[in-house]
C-alpha atoms as a PDB file:
ATOM      1  CA  MET A   1     -21.074  -3.190   0.308  1.00  0.00           C
ATOM      2  CA  ALA A   2     -19.129  -6.462  -0.069  1.00  0.00           C
ATOM      3  CA  LYS A   3     -18.532  -8.946   2.838  1.00  0.00           C
ATOM      4  CA  ILE A   4     -15.165  -8.831   5.082  1.00  0.00           C
ATOM      5  CA  LYS A   5     -14.328 -12.008   3.821  1.00  0.00           C
ATOM      6  CA  GLU A   6     -14.776 -11.138   0.219  1.00  0.00           C
ATOM      7  CA  MET A   7     -12.292  -8.127   0.623  1.00  0.00           C
ATOM      8  CA  THR A   8      -8.861  -8.591  -0.300  1.00  0.00           C
ATOM      9  CA  VAL A   9      -5.652  -7.564   2.041  1.00  0.00           C
ATOM     10  CA  ASP A  10      -5.565  -4.113  -0.048  1.00  0.00           C
ATOM     11  CA  GLU A  11      -9.380  -3.385   0.501  1.00  0.00           C
ATOM     12  CA  LEU A  12      -9.523  -4.316   3.963  1.00  0.00           C
ATOM     13  CA  GLU A  13      -6.933  -1.827   4.609  1.00  0.00           C
ATOM     14  CA  GLN A  14      -8.345   0.648   2.464  1.00  0.00           C
ATOM     15  CA  PHE A  15     -11.188  -0.051   4.614  1.00  0.00           C
ATOM     16  CA  ILE A  16      -9.520   0.201   7.787  1.00  0.00           C
ATOM     17  CA  GLU A  17      -7.716   3.559   6.756  1.00  0.00           C
ATOM     18  CA  HIS A  18     -11.268   5.147   5.352  1.00  0.00           C
ATOM     19  CA  LYS A  19     -13.114   4.484   8.786  1.00  0.00           C
ATOM     20  CA  VAL A  20     -10.494   5.687  11.218  1.00  0.00           C
ATOM     21  CA  VAL A  21     -10.176   9.277   9.137  1.00  0.00           C
ATOM     22  CA  GLU A  22     -14.060   9.248   8.848  1.00  0.00           C
ATOM     23  CA  ILE A  23     -14.098   8.780  12.986  1.00  0.00           C
ATOM     24  CA  LEU A  24     -11.148  11.072  14.190  1.00  0.00           C
ATOM     25  CA  GLY A  25     -10.471  13.155  11.221  1.00  0.00           C
ATOM     26  CA  ASP A  26      -7.415  13.980   9.156  1.00  0.00           C
ATOM     27  CA  PRO A  27      -4.136  15.079  11.917  1.00  0.00           C
ATOM     28  CA  ASP A  28      -3.076  17.320   9.030  1.00  0.00           C
ATOM     29  CA  ALA A  29      -5.785  18.866   7.748  1.00  0.00           C
ATOM     30  CA  GLY A  30      -5.052  22.711   7.234  1.00  0.00           C
ATOM     31  CA  LEU A  31      -1.548  22.506   8.044  1.00  0.00           C
ATOM     32  CA  ALA A  32       0.735  24.104   5.186  1.00  0.00           C
ATOM     33  CA  LEU A  33       4.206  22.287   3.515  1.00  0.00           C
ATOM     34  CA  LYS A  34       7.217  24.395   4.549  1.00  0.00           C
ATOM     35  CA  PRO A  35       8.946  25.432   1.298  1.00  0.00           C
ATOM     36  CA  ALA A  36      11.761  22.972   1.557  1.00  0.00           C
ATOM     37  CA  PHE A  37      10.121  19.958   1.983  1.00  0.00           C
ATOM     38  CA  ARG A  38       7.707  20.651  -0.644  1.00  0.00           C
ATOM     39  CA  LYS A  39      10.911  20.663  -2.748  1.00  0.00           C
ATOM     40  CA  LYS A  40      12.360  17.625  -1.544  1.00  0.00           C
ATOM     41  CA  LEU A  41       8.949  15.958  -2.148  1.00  0.00           C
ATOM     42  CA  GLU A  42       8.565  17.205  -5.305  1.00  0.00           C
ATOM     43  CA  SER A  43      12.052  16.173  -6.294  1.00  0.00           C
ATOM     44  CA  ILE A  44      11.237  12.420  -4.713  1.00  0.00           C
ATOM     45  CA  LEU A  45       7.861  12.735  -6.935  1.00  0.00           C
ATOM     46  CA  LYS A  46      10.063  13.097 -10.359  1.00  0.00           C
ATOM     47  CA  LYS A  47      12.181  10.379  -9.882  1.00  0.00           C
ATOM     48  CA  SER A  48       9.754   8.022  -8.401  1.00  0.00           C
ATOM     49  CA  SER A  49       7.586   8.666 -11.432  1.00  0.00           C
ATOM     50  CA  LYS A  50      10.471   6.981 -14.076  1.00  0.00           C
ATOM     51  CA  MET A  51      10.831   3.990 -11.383  1.00  0.00           C
ATOM     52  CA  THR A  52       9.217   0.951 -12.912  1.00  0.00           C
ATOM     53  CA  SER A  53       6.924  -0.927 -10.552  1.00  0.00           C
ATOM     54  CA  HIS A  54       7.150  -4.385  -8.992  1.00  0.00           C
ATOM     55  CA  GLN A  55       4.188  -5.482 -11.418  1.00  0.00           C
ATOM     56  CA  GLU A  56       5.103  -4.208 -14.335  1.00  0.00           C
ATOM     57  CA  VAL A  57       8.684  -6.118 -13.719  1.00  0.00           C
ATOM     58  CA  VAL A  58       7.129  -9.252 -12.842  1.00  0.00           C
ATOM     59  CA  LYS A  59       5.027  -9.078 -15.796  1.00  0.00           C
ATOM     60  CA  ARG A  60       8.032  -8.215 -18.260  1.00  0.00           C
ATOM     61  CA  LEU A  61      10.588 -11.147 -16.981  1.00  0.00           C
ATOM     62  CA  GLY A  62       7.284 -13.926 -15.866  1.00  0.00           C
END
């Protein structure tokens, strides 16, 4: 495992999140989504997959 001082901000955030879930457990585990919420979420995910990421815009525009 990398030392904390060698981690990027994203890696550190993921590490902390993993540890919190490991200690406390996932509060949403076992819960079901309501059908209306599931439809809305699926709709959002379909739209967002068509969007260009920030990183792609930076690459294109330099």
